[in-house]
All heavy atoms as atom14 arrays in JSON, in Angstrom:
{
  "sequence": "APYRVYNIGNNQPVELGRLIALLEAALGRRAEQRMRPVPAGDVP",
  "atom14_mask": [
    [1, 1, 1, 1, 1, 0, 0, 0, 0, 0, 0, 0, 0, 0],
    [1, 1, 1, 1, 1, 1, 1, 0, 0, 0, 0, 0, 0, 0],
    [1, 1, 1, 1, 1, 1, 1, 1, 1, 1, 1, 1, 0, 0],
    [1, 1, 1, 1, 1, 1, 1, 1, 1, 1, 1, 0, 0, 0],
    [1, 1, 1, 1, 1, 1, 1, 0, 0, 0, 0, 0, 0, 0],
    [1, 1, 1, 1, 1, 1, 1, 1, 1, 1, 1, 1, 0, 0],
    [1, 1, 1, 1, 1, 1, 1, 1, 0, 0, 0, 0, 0, 0],
    [1, 1, 1, 1, 1, 1, 1, 1, 0, 0, 0, 0, 0, 0],
    [1, 1, 1, 1, 0, 0, 0, 0, 0, 0, 0, 0, 0, 0],
    [1, 1, 1, 1, 1, 1, 1, 1, 0, 0, 0, 0, 0, 0],
    [1, 1, 1, 1, 1, 1, 1, 1, 0, 0, 0, 0, 0, 0],
    [1, 1, 1, 1, 1, 1, 1, 1, 1, 0, 0, 0, 0, 0],
    [1, 1, 1, 1, 1, 1, 1, 0, 0, 0, 0, 0, 0, 0],
    [1, 1, 1, 1, 1, 1, 1, 0, 0, 0, 0, 0, 0, 0],
    [1, 1, 1, 1, 1, 1, 1, 1, 1, 0, 0, 0, 0, 0],
    [1, 1, 1, 1, 1, 1, 1, 1, 0, 0, 0, 0, 0, 0],
    [1, 1, 1, 1, 0, 0, 0, 0, 0, 0, 0, 0, 0, 0],
    [1, 1, 1, 1, 1, 1, 1, 1, 1, 1, 1, 0, 0, 0],
    [1, 1, 1, 1, 1, 1, 1, 1, 0, 0, 0, 0, 0, 0],
    [1, 1, 1, 1, 1, 1, 1, 1, 0, 0, 0, 0, 0, 0],
    [1, 1, 1, 1, 1, 0, 0, 0, 0, 0, 0, 0, 0, 0],
    [1, 1, 1, 1, 1, 1, 1, 1, 0, 0, 0, 0, 0, 0],
    [1, 1, 1, 1, 1, 1, 1, 1, 0, 0, 0, 0, 0, 0],
    [1, 1, 1, 1, 1, 1, 1, 1, 1, 0, 0, 0, 0, 0],
    [1, 1, 1, 1, 1, 0, 0, 0, 0, 0, 0, 0, 0, 0],
    [1, 1, 1, 1, 1, 0, 0, 0, 0, 0, 0, 0, 0, 0],
    [1, 1, 1, 1, 1, 1, 1, 1, 0, 0, 0, 0, 0, 0],
    [1, 1, 1, 1, 0, 0, 0, 0, 0, 0, 0, 0, 0, 0],
    [1, 1, 1, 1, 1, 1, 1, 1, 1, 1, 1, 0, 0, 0],
    [1, 1, 1, 1, 1, 1, 1, 1, 1, 1, 1, 0, 0, 0],
    [1, 1, 1, 1, 1, 0, 0, 0, 0, 0, 0, 0, 0, 0],
    [1, 1, 1, 1, 1, 1, 1, 1, 1, 0, 0, 0, 0, 0],
    [1, 1, 1, 1, 1, 1, 1, 1, 1, 0, 0, 0, 0, 0],
    [1, 1, 1, 1, 1, 1, 1, 1, 1, 1, 1, 0, 0, 0],
    [1, 1, 1, 1, 1, 1, 1, 1, 0, 0, 0, 0, 0, 0],
    [1, 1, 1, 1, 1, 1, 1, 1, 1, 1, 1, 0, 0, 0],
    [1, 1, 1, 1, 1, 1, 1, 0, 0, 0, 0, 0, 0, 0],
    [1, 1, 1, 1, 1, 1, 1, 0, 0, 0, 0, 0, 0, 0],
    [1, 1, 1, 1, 1, 1, 1, 0, 0, 0, 0, 0, 0, 0],
    [1, 1, 1, 1, 1, 0, 0, 0, 0, 0, 0, 0, 0, 0],
    [1, 1, 1, 1, 0, 0, 0, 0, 0, 0, 0, 0, 0, 0],
    [1, 1, 1, 1, 1, 1, 1, 1, 0, 0, 0, 0, 0, 0],
    [1, 1, 1, 1, 1, 1, 1, 0, 0, 0, 0, 0, 0, 0],
    [1, 1, 1, 1, 1, 1, 1, 0, 0, 0, 0, 0, 0, 0]
  ],
  "atom14_positions": [
    [[64.7, 12.77, -44.12], [65.24, 14.13, -44.48], [66.18, 14.49, -43.33], [66.15, 13.92, -42.24], [64.13, 15.06, -44.65], [0.0, 0.0, 0.0], [0.0, 0.0, 0.0], [0.0, 0.0, 0.0], [0.0, 0.0, 0.0], [0.0, 0.0, 0.0], [0.0, 0.0, 0.0], [0.0, 0.0, 0.0], [0.0, 0.0, 0.0], [0.0, 0.0, 0.0]],
    [[67.04, 15.45, -43.51], [67.99, 16.03, -42.42], [67.12, 16.8, -41.4], [67.27, 18.06, -41.39], [69.01, 16.87, -43.14], [68.31, 17.35, -44.4], [67.31, 16.22, -44.81], [0.0, 0.0, 0.0], [0.0, 0.0, 0.0], [0.0, 0.0, 0.0], [0.0, 0.0, 0.0], [0.0, 0.0, 0.0], [0.0, 0.0, 0.0], [0.0, 0.0, 0.0]],
    [[66.46, 16.18, -40.54], [65.53, 16.79, -39.61], [65.56, 16.08, -38.29], [65.71, 14.83, -38.22], [64.06, 16.72, -40.09], [62.98, 16.92, -39.28], [62.48, 18.27, -39.1], [62.4, 15.92, -38.5], [61.43, 18.53, -38.29], [61.28, 16.2, -37.55], [60.87, 17.48, -37.45], [59.86, 17.79, -36.62], [0.0, 0.0, 0.0], [0.0, 0.0, 0.0]],
    [[65.56, 16.87, -37.2], [65.64, 16.24, -35.88], [64.89, 17.23, -34.87], [64.8, 18.39, -35.06], [67.15, 16.1, -35.43], [67.37, 15.27, -34.19], [66.92, 13.78, -34.49], [67.36, 12.89, -33.41], [66.57, 12.52, -32.42], [65.41, 13.14, -32.16], [66.96, 11.56, -31.53], [0.0, 0.0, 0.0], [0.0, 0.0, 0.0], [0.0, 0.0, 0.0]],
    [[64.39, 16.52, -33.84], [63.75, 17.27, -32.68], [64.38, 16.76, -31.41], [64.51, 15.45, -31.23], [62.23, 17.08, -32.62], [61.68, 17.71, -31.44], [61.59, 17.7, -33.93], [0.0, 0.0, 0.0], [0.0, 0.0, 0.0], [0.0, 0.0, 0.0], [0.0, 0.0, 0.0], [0.0, 0.0, 0.0], [0.0, 0.0, 0.0], [0.0, 0.0, 0.0]],
    [[64.77, 17.57, -30.44], [65.21, 17.19, -29.11], [64.54, 17.95, -28.1], [64.17, 19.02, -28.23], [66.73, 17.6, -29.08], [67.69, 16.73, -29.8], [68.31, 17.27, -30.95], [68.03, 15.37, -29.47], [69.22, 16.48, -31.69], [68.94, 14.63, -30.22], [69.49, 15.23, -31.29], [70.42, 14.49, -32.11], [0.0, 0.0, 0.0], [0.0, 0.0, 0.0]],
    [[64.37, 17.22, -26.94], [63.98, 17.88, -25.73], [65.25, 18.5, -25.04], [66.33, 17.88, -25.09], [63.34, 16.77, -24.72], [62.01, 16.39, -25.09], [61.2, 16.97, -25.76], [61.66, 15.16, -24.65], [0.0, 0.0, 0.0], [0.0, 0.0, 0.0], [0.0, 0.0, 0.0], [0.0, 0.0, 0.0], [0.0, 0.0, 0.0], [0.0, 0.0, 0.0]],
    [[65.07, 19.65, -24.44], [66.04, 20.14, -23.52], [65.4, 20.46, -22.27], [64.7, 21.52, -22.05], [66.88, 21.37, -23.99], [67.43, 21.07, -25.39], [67.91, 21.86, -23.06], [68.42, 22.14, -25.94], [0.0, 0.0, 0.0], [0.0, 0.0, 0.0], [0.0, 0.0, 0.0], [0.0, 0.0, 0.0], [0.0, 0.0, 0.0], [0.0, 0.0, 0.0]],
    [[65.45, 19.58, -21.26], [64.86, 19.74, -19.98], [65.67, 19.16, -18.92], [66.67, 18.51, -19.15], [0.0, 0.0, 0.0], [0.0, 0.0, 0.0], [0.0, 0.0, 0.0], [0.0, 0.0, 0.0], [0.0, 0.0, 0.0], [0.0, 0.0, 0.0], [0.0, 0.0, 0.0], [0.0, 0.0, 0.0], [0.0, 0.0, 0.0], [0.0, 0.0, 0.0]],
    [[65.39, 19.4, -17.73], [66.09, 18.98, -16.49], [65.7, 17.54, -16.06], [66.51, 16.97, -15.26], [65.98, 19.96, -15.33], [67.17, 19.92, -14.48], [68.28, 19.98, -14.93], [67.01, 20.12, -13.1], [0.0, 0.0, 0.0], [0.0, 0.0, 0.0], [0.0, 0.0, 0.0], [0.0, 0.0, 0.0], [0.0, 0.0, 0.0], [0.0, 0.0, 0.0]],
    [[64.6, 17.02, -16.49], [64.18, 15.7, -16.16], [63.98, 15.54, -14.72], [64.05, 14.45, -14.1], [65.19, 14.62, -16.65], [64.66, 13.19, -16.55], [65.3, 12.31, -15.91], [63.57, 12.92, -17.17], [0.0, 0.0, 0.0], [0.0, 0.0, 0.0], [0.0, 0.0, 0.0], [0.0, 0.0, 0.0], [0.0, 0.0, 0.0], [0.0, 0.0, 0.0]],
    [[63.7, 16.65, -14.04], [63.4, 16.7, -12.63], [62.24, 17.66, -12.25], [62.52, 18.75, -11.78], [64.6, 17.14, -11.81], [65.84, 16.19, -11.96], [65.65, 14.99, -11.15], [64.94, 14.89, -10.18], [66.29, 13.89, -11.61], [0.0, 0.0, 0.0], [0.0, 0.0, 0.0], [0.0, 0.0, 0.0], [0.0, 0.0, 0.0], [0.0, 0.0, 0.0]],
    [[61.0, 17.17, -12.58], [59.78, 18.17, -12.32], [59.79, 18.6, -10.8], [60.09, 17.87, -9.92], [58.67, 17.3, -12.63], [59.13, 16.14, -13.52], [60.56, 15.9, -13.11], [0.0, 0.0, 0.0], [0.0, 0.0, 0.0], [0.0, 0.0, 0.0], [0.0, 0.0, 0.0], [0.0, 0.0, 0.0], [0.0, 0.0, 0.0], [0.0, 0.0, 0.0]],
    [[59.5, 19.84, -10.68], [59.43, 20.47, -9.35], [57.99, 21.03, -9.07], [57.41, 21.8, -10.03], [60.42, 21.56, -9.18], [60.28, 22.36, -7.85], [61.86, 21.06, -9.4], [0.0, 0.0, 0.0], [0.0, 0.0, 0.0], [0.0, 0.0, 0.0], [0.0, 0.0, 0.0], [0.0, 0.0, 0.0], [0.0, 0.0, 0.0], [0.0, 0.0, 0.0]],
    [[57.37, 20.8, -7.97], [56.05, 21.34, -7.67], [56.24, 22.85, -7.42], [57.25, 23.33, -6.95], [55.46, 20.77, -6.39], [55.03, 19.37, -6.59], [54.12, 18.95, -5.5], [54.07, 19.59, -4.42], [53.51, 17.81, -5.55], [0.0, 0.0, 0.0], [0.0, 0.0, 0.0], [0.0, 0.0, 0.0], [0.0, 0.0, 0.0], [0.0, 0.0, 0.0]],
    [[55.2, 23.56, -7.85], [55.25, 25.06, -7.7], [55.44, 25.44, -6.26], [56.02, 26.43, -5.89], [54.0, 25.61, -8.28], [53.95, 25.69, -9.86], [52.63, 26.49, -10.3], [55.15, 26.44, -10.42], [0.0, 0.0, 0.0], [0.0, 0.0, 0.0], [0.0, 0.0, 0.0], [0.0, 0.0, 0.0], [0.0, 0.0, 0.0], [0.0, 0.0, 0.0]],
    [[54.87, 24.61, -5.36], [54.97, 24.85, -3.91], [56.43, 24.85, -3.54], [56.8, 25.64, -2.63], [0.0, 0.0, 0.0], [0.0, 0.0, 0.0], [0.0, 0.0, 0.0], [0.0, 0.0, 0.0], [0.0, 0.0, 0.0], [0.0, 0.0, 0.0], [0.0, 0.0, 0.0], [0.0, 0.0, 0.0], [0.0, 0.0, 0.0], [0.0, 0.0, 0.0]],
    [[57.1, 23.9, -4.13], [58.61, 23.88, -3.77], [59.38, 25.09, -4.35], [60.17, 25.7, -3.63], [59.19, 22.56, -4.34], [60.77, 22.42, -4.36], [61.22, 22.29, -2.9], [62.71, 22.16, -2.91], [63.5, 22.46, -1.82], [62.96, 23.04, -0.73], [64.77, 22.16, -1.87], [0.0, 0.0, 0.0], [0.0, 0.0, 0.0], [0.0, 0.0, 0.0]],
    [[59.05, 25.51, -5.61], [59.61, 26.68, -6.09], [59.36, 27.85, -5.22], [60.27, 28.68, -4.88], [59.05, 26.95, -7.5], [59.43, 28.3, -8.14], [60.91, 28.38, -8.45], [58.49, 28.56, -9.35], [0.0, 0.0, 0.0], [0.0, 0.0, 0.0], [0.0, 0.0, 0.0], [0.0, 0.0, 0.0], [0.0, 0.0, 0.0], [0.0, 0.0, 0.0]],
    [[58.14, 28.02, -4.78], [57.81, 29.17, -3.88], [58.51, 29.19, -2.6], [59.07, 30.2, -2.17], [56.19, 29.22, -3.65], [55.46, 29.46, -4.92], [55.96, 30.23, -2.59], [54.01, 29.1, -4.79], [0.0, 0.0, 0.0], [0.0, 0.0, 0.0], [0.0, 0.0, 0.0], [0.0, 0.0, 0.0], [0.0, 0.0, 0.0], [0.0, 0.0, 0.0]],
    [[58.75, 28.01, -1.98], [59.52, 27.87, -0.8], [60.98, 28.27, -0.99], [61.64, 28.99, -0.22], [59.36, 26.48, -0.3], [0.0, 0.0, 0.0], [0.0, 0.0, 0.0], [0.0, 0.0, 0.0], [0.0, 0.0, 0.0], [0.0, 0.0, 0.0], [0.0, 0.0, 0.0], [0.0, 0.0, 0.0], [0.0, 0.0, 0.0], [0.0, 0.0, 0.0]],
    [[61.45, 27.9, -2.14], [62.87, 28.31, -2.45], [63.06, 29.77, -2.64], [64.03, 30.4, -2.19], [63.39, 27.59, -3.68], [63.64, 26.03, -3.54], [63.93, 25.37, -4.86], [64.8, 25.74, -2.56], [0.0, 0.0, 0.0], [0.0, 0.0, 0.0], [0.0, 0.0, 0.0], [0.0, 0.0, 0.0], [0.0, 0.0, 0.0], [0.0, 0.0, 0.0]],
    [[62.1, 30.4, -3.32], [62.06, 31.84, -3.56], [61.9, 32.59, -2.15], [62.71, 33.51, -1.86], [60.95, 32.22, -4.46], [61.2, 31.86, -5.94], [59.89, 32.18, -6.69], [62.32, 32.76, -6.51], [0.0, 0.0, 0.0], [0.0, 0.0, 0.0], [0.0, 0.0, 0.0], [0.0, 0.0, 0.0], [0.0, 0.0, 0.0], [0.0, 0.0, 0.0]],
    [[61.09, 32.03, -1.29], [60.93, 32.65, 0.01], [62.26, 32.66, 0.86], [62.62, 33.66, 1.43], [59.81, 31.97, 0.83], [58.35, 32.13, 0.34], [57.38, 31.43, 1.08], [57.71, 30.21, 1.47], [56.24, 31.84, 1.29], [0.0, 0.0, 0.0], [0.0, 0.0, 0.0], [0.0, 0.0, 0.0], [0.0, 0.0, 0.0], [0.0, 0.0, 0.0]],
    [[62.92, 31.41, 0.7], [64.07, 31.36, 1.53], [65.21, 32.21, 0.93], [65.98, 32.94, 1.75], [64.61, 29.9, 1.5], [0.0, 0.0, 0.0], [0.0, 0.0, 0.0], [0.0, 0.0, 0.0], [0.0, 0.0, 0.0], [0.0, 0.0, 0.0], [0.0, 0.0, 0.0], [0.0, 0.0, 0.0], [0.0, 0.0, 0.0], [0.0, 0.0, 0.0]],
    [[65.32, 32.37, -0.4], [66.34, 33.18, -0.94], [66.05, 34.6, -0.8], [67.07, 35.49, -0.6], [66.53, 32.91, -2.48], [0.0, 0.0, 0.0], [0.0, 0.0, 0.0], [0.0, 0.0, 0.0], [0.0, 0.0, 0.0], [0.0, 0.0, 0.0], [0.0, 0.0, 0.0], [0.0, 0.0, 0.0], [0.0, 0.0, 0.0], [0.0, 0.0, 0.0]],
    [[64.78, 35.07, -0.77], [64.5, 36.45, -0.62], [64.3, 36.9, 0.84], [64.24, 38.06, 1.08], [63.19, 36.72, -1.36], [63.24, 36.67, -2.93], [61.9, 36.58, -3.49], [63.94, 37.89, -3.42], [0.0, 0.0, 0.0], [0.0, 0.0, 0.0], [0.0, 0.0, 0.0], [0.0, 0.0, 0.0], [0.0, 0.0, 0.0], [0.0, 0.0, 0.0]],
    [[64.2, 35.87, 1.68], [64.05, 36.22, 3.14], [62.79, 36.73, 3.41], [62.56, 37.49, 4.45], [0.0, 0.0, 0.0], [0.0, 0.0, 0.0], [0.0, 0.0, 0.0], [0.0, 0.0, 0.0], [0.0, 0.0, 0.0], [0.0, 0.0, 0.0], [0.0, 0.0, 0.0], [0.0, 0.0, 0.0], [0.0, 0.0, 0.0], [0.0, 0.0, 0.0]],
    [[61.68, 36.41, 2.76], [60.33, 36.96, 2.96], [59.35, 35.81, 2.64], [59.61, 34.94, 1.83], [59.99, 38.12, 2.09], [61.15, 39.18, 2.11], [60.8, 40.42, 1.41], [61.92, 41.3, 1.26], [61.86, 42.62, 0.87], [60.65, 43.04, 0.42], [62.92, 43.36, 0.75], [0.0, 0.0, 0.0], [0.0, 0.0, 0.0], [0.0, 0.0, 0.0]],
    [[58.19, 35.94, 3.29], [57.14, 34.93, 3.06], [56.19, 35.37, 1.95], [55.97, 36.67, 1.88], [56.27, 34.67, 4.32], [57.14, 33.97, 5.45], [57.63, 32.57, 5.0], [56.56, 31.67, 4.61], [55.92, 30.9, 5.44], [56.35, 30.91, 6.83], [54.95, 30.07, 5.11], [0.0, 0.0, 0.0], [0.0, 0.0, 0.0], [0.0, 0.0, 0.0]],
    [[55.54, 34.48, 1.22], [54.63, 34.77, 0.25], [53.18, 34.71, 0.79], [52.9, 33.8, 1.48], [54.82, 33.95, -0.98], [0.0, 0.0, 0.0], [0.0, 0.0, 0.0], [0.0, 0.0, 0.0], [0.0, 0.0, 0.0], [0.0, 0.0, 0.0], [0.0, 0.0, 0.0], [0.0, 0.0, 0.0], [0.0, 0.0, 0.0], [0.0, 0.0, 0.0]],
    [[52.3, 35.6, 0.38], [50.91, 35.55, 0.65], [50.25, 34.8, -0.61], [50.39, 35.33, -1.76], [50.28, 36.94, 0.76], [48.8, 36.85, 1.02], [48.12, 38.22, 0.98], [48.89, 39.16, 1.09], [46.89, 38.28, 0.89], [0.0, 0.0, 0.0], [0.0, 0.0, 0.0], [0.0, 0.0, 0.0], [0.0, 0.0, 0.0], [0.0, 0.0, 0.0]],
    [[49.84, 33.62, -0.33], [49.31, 32.79, -1.46], [47.82, 32.79, -1.59], [47.04, 32.66, -0.61], [49.77, 31.38, -1.33], [51.31, 31.26, -1.16], [51.76, 29.73, -1.06], [51.14, 28.91, -1.59], [52.93, 29.6, -0.37], [0.0, 0.0, 0.0], [0.0, 0.0, 0.0], [0.0, 0.0, 0.0], [0.0, 0.0, 0.0], [0.0, 0.0, 0.0]],
    [[47.3, 32.97, -2.91], [45.96, 32.89, -3.18], [45.75, 31.66, -4.09], [46.33, 31.58, -5.16], [45.37, 34.1, -3.92], [45.43, 35.35, -3.08], [44.78, 36.6, -3.85], [45.35, 36.79, -5.15], [45.31, 37.93, -5.76], [44.51, 38.99, -5.29], [45.91, 38.12, -6.93], [0.0, 0.0, 0.0], [0.0, 0.0, 0.0], [0.0, 0.0, 0.0]],
    [[44.89, 30.7, -3.68], [44.66, 29.46, -4.43], [43.75, 29.75, -5.57], [42.68, 30.37, -5.42], [44.17, 28.38, -3.53], [45.17, 28.0, -2.4], [46.79, 27.58, -3.07], [47.84, 27.82, -1.71], [0.0, 0.0, 0.0], [0.0, 0.0, 0.0], [0.0, 0.0, 0.0], [0.0, 0.0, 0.0], [0.0, 0.0, 0.0], [0.0, 0.0, 0.0]],
    [[44.12, 29.22, -6.72], [43.29, 29.42, -7.96], [43.18, 28.14, -8.61], [44.04, 27.24, -8.59], [43.97, 30.46, -8.88], [44.01, 31.81, -8.28], [42.7, 32.52, -8.39], [42.76, 33.87, -8.02], [42.29, 34.44, -6.89], [41.89, 33.67, -5.96], [42.42, 35.77, -6.75], [0.0, 0.0, 0.0], [0.0, 0.0, 0.0], [0.0, 0.0, 0.0]],
    [[42.1, 27.89, -9.45], [41.99, 26.69, -10.25], [42.97, 26.78, -11.45], [43.46, 27.89, -11.79], [40.56, 26.79, -10.81], [40.18, 28.22, -10.75], [40.94, 28.74, -9.51], [0.0, 0.0, 0.0], [0.0, 0.0, 0.0], [0.0, 0.0, 0.0], [0.0, 0.0, 0.0], [0.0, 0.0, 0.0], [0.0, 0.0, 0.0], [0.0, 0.0, 0.0]],
    [[43.22, 25.64, -12.04], [44.28, 25.54, -13.16], [43.63, 26.4, -14.39], [42.48, 26.1, -14.77], [44.47, 24.18, -13.64], [45.4, 24.07, -14.76], [45.09, 23.4, -12.42], [0.0, 0.0, 0.0], [0.0, 0.0, 0.0], [0.0, 0.0, 0.0], [0.0, 0.0, 0.0], [0.0, 0.0, 0.0], [0.0, 0.0, 0.0], [0.0, 0.0, 0.0]],
    [[44.39, 27.25, -14.97], [43.75, 28.08, -16.06], [43.73, 27.15, -17.36], [44.45, 26.21, -17.46], [44.95, 29.13, -16.33], [45.82, 29.08, -15.06], [45.74, 27.69, -14.54], [0.0, 0.0, 0.0], [0.0, 0.0, 0.0], [0.0, 0.0, 0.0], [0.0, 0.0, 0.0], [0.0, 0.0, 0.0], [0.0, 0.0, 0.0], [0.0, 0.0, 0.0]],
    [[42.97, 27.63, -18.32], [42.85, 26.93, -19.5], [44.07, 26.97, -20.23], [44.83, 27.97, -20.31], [41.71, 27.59, -20.37], [0.0, 0.0, 0.0], [0.0, 0.0, 0.0], [0.0, 0.0, 0.0], [0.0, 0.0, 0.0], [0.0, 0.0, 0.0], [0.0, 0.0, 0.0], [0.0, 0.0, 0.0], [0.0, 0.0, 0.0], [0.0, 0.0, 0.0]],
    [[44.48, 25.87, -20.96], [45.75, 25.75, -21.7], [46.85, 25.22, -20.93], [47.95, 24.86, -21.46], [0.0, 0.0, 0.0], [0.0, 0.0, 0.0], [0.0, 0.0, 0.0], [0.0, 0.0, 0.0], [0.0, 0.0, 0.0], [0.0, 0.0, 0.0], [0.0, 0.0, 0.0], [0.0, 0.0, 0.0], [0.0, 0.0, 0.0], [0.0, 0.0, 0.0]],
    [[46.81, 25.21, -19.54], [47.9, 24.7, -18.68], [47.77, 23.14, -18.57], [46.72, 22.62, -18.68], [47.88, 25.32, -17.29], [48.59, 26.67, -17.29], [48.64, 27.28, -18.4], [48.97, 27.09, -16.27], [0.0, 0.0, 0.0], [0.0, 0.0, 0.0], [0.0, 0.0, 0.0], [0.0, 0.0, 0.0], [0.0, 0.0, 0.0], [0.0, 0.0, 0.0]],
    [[48.88, 22.52, -18.3], [48.95, 21.06, -18.17], [49.5, 20.85, -16.66], [50.15, 21.67, -16.14], [49.81, 20.36, -19.17], [49.22, 20.51, -20.54], [51.26, 20.88, -19.17], [0.0, 0.0, 0.0], [0.0, 0.0, 0.0], [0.0, 0.0, 0.0], [0.0, 0.0, 0.0], [0.0, 0.0, 0.0], [0.0, 0.0, 0.0], [0.0, 0.0, 0.0]],
    [[49.07, 19.69, -16.1], [49.48, 19.47, -14.69], [50.97, 19.24, -14.46], [51.5, 19.52, -13.36], [48.65, 18.2, -14.33], [48.31, 17.54, -15.5], [48.29, 18.63, -16.6], [0.0, 0.0, 0.0], [0.0, 0.0, 0.0], [0.0, 0.0, 0.0], [0.0, 0.0, 0.0], [0.0, 0.0, 0.0], [0.0, 0.0, 0.0], [0.0, 0.0, 0.0]]
  ]
}
C-alpha cells in the first residue's frame, strides 16, 4: 500500500552529562546535580 515510515534523527547520540556541560557553558553557570535511577518507561 502507499505507506512509509522514516526516522528523523541526528545519528549522533549524546550523553546527558555532555548536554549538561554544554548548557552550563552557554549559561555561564554550574548545575547542582542529583543522581537518580532510570525512571520506568525510559530506555538507555
